[in-house]
C-alpha atoms as a PDB file:
ATOM      1  CA  UNK A   1     -18.278   3.684  -6.366  1.00  0.00           C
ATOM      2  CA  UNK A   2     -20.796   5.994  -7.530  1.00  0.00           C
ATOM      3  CA  UNK A   3     -20.472   9.352  -9.199  1.00  0.00           C
ATOM      4  CA  UNK A   4     -17.278  11.323 -10.406  1.00  0.00           C
ATOM      5  CA  UNK A   5     -14.224   9.481  -9.516  1.00  0.00           C
ATOM      6  CA  UNK A   6     -11.097  11.605  -8.661  1.00  0.00           C
ATOM      7  CA  UNK A   7      -7.611  10.550  -9.419  1.00  0.00           C
ATOM      8  CA  UNK A   8      -5.216  10.669  -6.597  1.00  0.00           C
ATOM      9  CA  UNK A   9      -2.247   8.755  -7.879  1.00  0.00           C
ATOM     10  CA  UNK A  10      -1.019   7.310 -11.220  1.00  0.00           C
ATOM     11  CA  UNK A  11       1.251   4.271 -11.224  1.00  0.00           C
ATOM     12  CA  UNK A  12       3.570   2.783 -13.831  1.00  0.00           C
ATOM     13  CA  UNK A  13       2.199  -0.586 -13.471  1.00  0.00           C
ATOM     14  CA  UNK A  14      -0.998  -2.320 -12.795  1.00  0.00           C
ATOM     15  CA  UNK A  15       0.639  -4.334  -9.779  1.00  0.00           C
ATOM     16  CA  UNK A  16       1.509  -1.005  -8.361  1.00  0.00           C
ATOM     17  CA  UNK A  17      -1.944   0.526  -8.722  1.00  0.00           C
ATOM     18  CA  UNK A  18      -3.248  -2.567  -6.862  1.00  0.00           C
ATOM     19  CA  UNK A  19      -0.734  -2.159  -4.064  1.00  0.00           C
ATOM     20  CA  UNK A  20      -1.720   1.596  -3.697  1.00  0.00           C
ATOM     21  CA  UNK A  21      -5.577   0.548  -3.511  1.00  0.00           C
ATOM     22  CA  UNK A  22      -4.803  -2.125  -0.969  1.00  0.00           C
ATOM     23  CA  UNK A  23      -2.725   0.322   1.140  1.00  0.00           C
ATOM     24  CA  UNK A  24      -5.271   3.020   0.862  1.00  0.00           C
ATOM     25  CA  UNK A  25      -8.011   0.585   1.776  1.00  0.00           C
ATOM     26  CA  UNK A  26      -5.957  -0.279   4.978  1.00  0.00           C
ATOM     27  CA  UNK A  27      -6.059   3.498   5.954  1.00  0.00           C
ATOM     28  CA  UNK A  28      -9.812   3.572   5.649  1.00  0.00           C
ATOM     29  CA  UNK A  29     -10.013   5.033   2.118  1.00  0.00           C
ATOM     30  CA  UNK A  30     -11.942   3.139  -0.810  1.00  0.00           C
ATOM     31  CA  UNK A  31     -10.154   3.322  -3.981  1.00  0.00           C
ATOM     32  CA  UNK A  32     -10.085   1.556  -7.094  1.00  0.00           C
ATOM     33  CA  UNK A  33      -8.015   1.120 -10.331  1.00  0.00           C
ATOM     34  CA  UNK A  34     -10.018   2.811 -13.047  1.00  0.00           C
ATOM     35  CA  UNK A  35      -8.063   2.302 -16.310  1.00  0.00           C
ATOM     36  CA  UNK A  36      -6.714  -1.219 -15.736  1.00  0.00           C
ATOM     37  CA  UNK A  37      -7.025  -2.091 -19.148  1.00  0.00           C
ATOM     38  CA  UNK A  38      -5.338   0.880 -20.224  1.00  0.00           C
ATOM     39  CA  UNK A  39      -4.900   1.420 -23.924  1.00  0.00           C
ATOM     40  CA  UNK A  40      -1.282   2.308 -23.486  1.00  0.00           C
ATOM     41  CA  UNK A  41      -0.398  -0.601 -21.616  1.00  0.00           C
ATOM     42  CA  UNK A  42       2.638  -2.355 -23.053  1.00  0.00           C
ATOM     43  CA  UNK A  43       4.517  -5.568 -22.198  1.00  0.00           C
ATOM     44  CA  UNK A  44       4.882  -6.406 -18.593  1.00  0.00           C
ATOM     45  CA  UNK A  45       2.159  -4.255 -17.510  1.00  0.00           C
ATOM     46  CA  UNK A  46       4.079  -0.975 -17.969  1.00  0.00           C
ATOM     47  CA  UNK A  47       1.931   1.913 -19.372  1.00  0.00           C
ATOM     48  CA  UNK A  48       2.184   5.152 -21.398  1.00  0.00           C
ATOM     49  CA  UNK A  49       3.327   8.294 -19.848  1.00  0.00           C
ATOM     50  CA  UNK A  50      -0.120   8.760 -17.991  1.00  0.00           C
ATOM     51  CA  UNK A  51       0.069   5.473 -16.112  1.00  0.00           C
ATOM     52  CA  UNK A  52      -2.652   3.593 -14.370  1.00  0.00           C
ATOM     53  CA  UNK A  53      -5.101   5.679 -12.534  1.00  0.00           C
ATOM     54  CA  UNK A  54      -5.966   5.154  -8.854  1.00  0.00           C
ATOM     55  CA  UNK A  55      -9.199   6.958  -7.890  1.00  0.00           C
ATOM     56  CA  UNK A  56     -11.477   7.554  -5.025  1.00  0.00           C
ATOM     57  CA  UNK A  57     -15.172   8.594  -4.628  1.00  0.00           C
ATOM     58  CA  UNK A  58     -14.974  12.462  -4.125  1.00  0.00           C
ATOM     59  CA  UNK A  59     -12.783  15.339  -3.482  1.00  0.00           C
ATOM     60  CA  UNK A  60     -12.830  14.865   0.584  1.00  0.00           C
ATOM     61  CA  UNK A  61     -11.508  11.431   0.044  1.00  0.00           C
ATOM     62  CA  UNK A  62      -8.882  12.467  -2.610  1.00  0.00           C
ATOM     63  CA  UNK A  63      -7.483  15.167  -0.205  1.00  0.00           C
ATOM     64  CA  UNK A  64      -7.189  12.675   2.549  1.00  0.00           C
ATOM     65  CA  UNK A  65      -5.694  10.149   0.300  1.00  0.00           C
ATOM     66  CA  UNK A  66      -3.191  12.611  -1.185  1.00  0.00           C
ATOM     67  CA  UNK A  67      -1.949  13.663   2.222  1.00  0.00           C
ATOM     68  CA  UNK A  68      -1.538   9.825   3.520  1.00  0.00           C
ATOM     69  CA  UNK A  69       0.256   9.136  -0.084  1.00  0.00           C
ATOM     70  CA  UNK A  70       2.557  12.231   0.314  1.00  0.00           C
ATOM     71  CA  UNK A  71       3.616  11.628   3.914  1.00  0.00           C
ATOM     72  CA  UNK A  72       4.267   7.915   2.940  1.00  0.00           C
ATOM     73  CA  UNK A  73       6.235   9.146  -0.094  1.00  0.00           C
ATOM     74  CA  UNK A  74       8.252  11.413   2.373  1.00  0.00           C
ATOM     75  CA  UNK A  75       8.748   8.319   4.563  1.00  0.00           C
ATOM     76  CA  UNK A  76       9.964   6.071   2.093  1.00  0.00           C
ATOM     77  CA  UNK A  77      12.515   8.818   0.905  1.00  0.00           C
ATOM     78  CA  UNK A  78      13.899   8.967   4.451  1.00  0.00           C
ATOM     79  CA  UNK A  79      14.082   5.340   4.552  1.00  0.00           C
ATOM     80  CA  UNK A  80      11.639   5.238   7.615  1.00  0.00           C
ATOM     81  CA  UNK A  81       8.674   3.361   5.947  1.00  0.00           C
ATOM     82  CA  UNK A  82       7.853  -0.376   5.355  1.00  0.00           C
ATOM     83  CA  UNK A  83       6.228  -1.784   2.223  1.00  0.00           C
ATOM     84  CA  UNK A  84       2.419  -1.318   2.286  1.00  0.00           C
ATOM     85  CA  UNK A  85       1.859  -4.850   2.407  1.00  0.00           C
ATOM     86  CA  UNK A  86       4.142  -5.481   5.408  1.00  0.00           C
ATOM     87  CA  UNK A  87       2.626  -6.475   8.692  1.00  0.00           C
ATOM     88  CA  UNK A  88       4.281  -4.600  11.588  1.00  0.00           C
ATOM     89  CA  UNK A  89       4.153  -6.248  14.928  1.00  0.00           C
ATOM     90  CA  UNK A  90       5.729  -5.402  18.191  1.00  0.00           C
ATOM     91  CA  UNK A  91       7.753  -8.020  19.836  1.00  0.00           C
ATOM     92  CA  UNK A  92       6.175  -9.233  23.046  1.00  0.00           C
ATOM     93  CA  UNK A  93       9.474  -9.788  24.929  1.00  0.00           C
ATOM     94  CA  UNK A  94      11.691  -6.577  24.058  1.00  0.00           C
ATOM     95  CA  UNK A  95       8.904  -4.393  22.465  1.00  0.00           C
ATOM     96  CA  UNK A  96      10.637  -3.524  19.427  1.00  0.00           C
ATOM     97  CA  UNK A  97       8.747  -3.120  16.064  1.00  0.00           C
ATOM     98  CA  UNK A  98       9.116  -5.934  13.546  1.00  0.00           C
ATOM     99  CA  UNK A  99       8.070  -5.835   9.688  1.00  0.00           C
ATOM    100  CA  UNK A 100       7.057  -9.170   8.233  1.00  0.00           C
ATOM    101  CA  UNK A 101       6.063  -9.578   4.710  1.00  0.00           C
ATOM    102  CA  UNK A 102       2.339 -10.302   4.068  1.00  0.00           C
ATOM    103  CA  UNK A 103       3.087 -13.692   3.107  1.00  0.00           C
ATOM    104  CA  UNK A 104       4.181 -14.420   6.848  1.00  0.00           C
ATOM    105  CA  UNK A 105       0.518 -14.051   8.115  1.00  0.00           C
ATOM    106  CA  UNK A 106      -0.668 -16.942  10.078  1.00  0.00           C
ATOM    107  CA  UNK A 107       3.082 -18.117  10.929  1.00  0.00           C
ATOM    108  CA  UNK A 108       5.444 -17.792  13.962  1.00  0.00           C
ATOM    109  CA  UNK A 109       8.578 -15.667  13.154  1.00  0.00           C
ATOM    110  CA  UNK A 110      11.605 -14.527  15.248  1.00  0.00           C
ATOM    111  CA  UNK A 111      12.031 -11.010  16.521  1.00  0.00           C
ATOM    112  CA  UNK A 112      14.860  -9.199  14.560  1.00  0.00           C
ATOM    113  CA  UNK A 113      16.413  -7.864  17.887  1.00  0.00           C
ATOM    114  CA  UNK A 114      16.124 -10.379  20.561  1.00  0.00           C
ATOM    115  CA  UNK A 115      15.051 -13.639  18.626  1.00  0.00           C
ATOM    116  CA  UNK A 116      11.978 -14.344  20.606  1.00  0.00           C
ATOM    117  CA  UNK A 117       9.024 -15.769  18.753  1.00  0.00           C
ATOM    118  CA  UNK A 118       6.427 -13.318  17.374  1.00  0.00           C
ATOM    119  CA  UNK A 119       2.882 -14.799  16.352  1.00  0.00           C
ATOM    120  CA  UNK A 120       1.905 -13.100  13.046  1.00  0.00           C
ATOM    121  CA  UNK A 121      -1.687 -13.255  12.881  1.00  0.00           C
ATOM    122  CA  UNK A 122      -3.745 -14.299   9.864  1.00  0.00           C
ATOM    123  CA  UNK A 123      -5.311 -11.666   7.932  1.00  0.00           C
END
């Protein structure tokens, strides 16, 4: 990324920042962790009160990223969101949406409702 970066989220850990970056990338927004080596980092990757910054290239991308993150936060609070790294697939038999962890990529799983086989594509 070139130019002035715009912070869209601060996280408590580097790992959480990496998840936010990956999720934003999946939404078509390029982001990066800027202060991975934050001087305030303490044991286990937990930072000082400011946290680890996730930034994007410009204000337009920042506006879009913030809107997406706020919508995701609302869904999470309502209990209607899956983890950003989960793979959501529709069952070929019953049509229900199933959420599988990213580690299940490239495997065959069972539908949570009807127990039919669901192919989880490799990423």
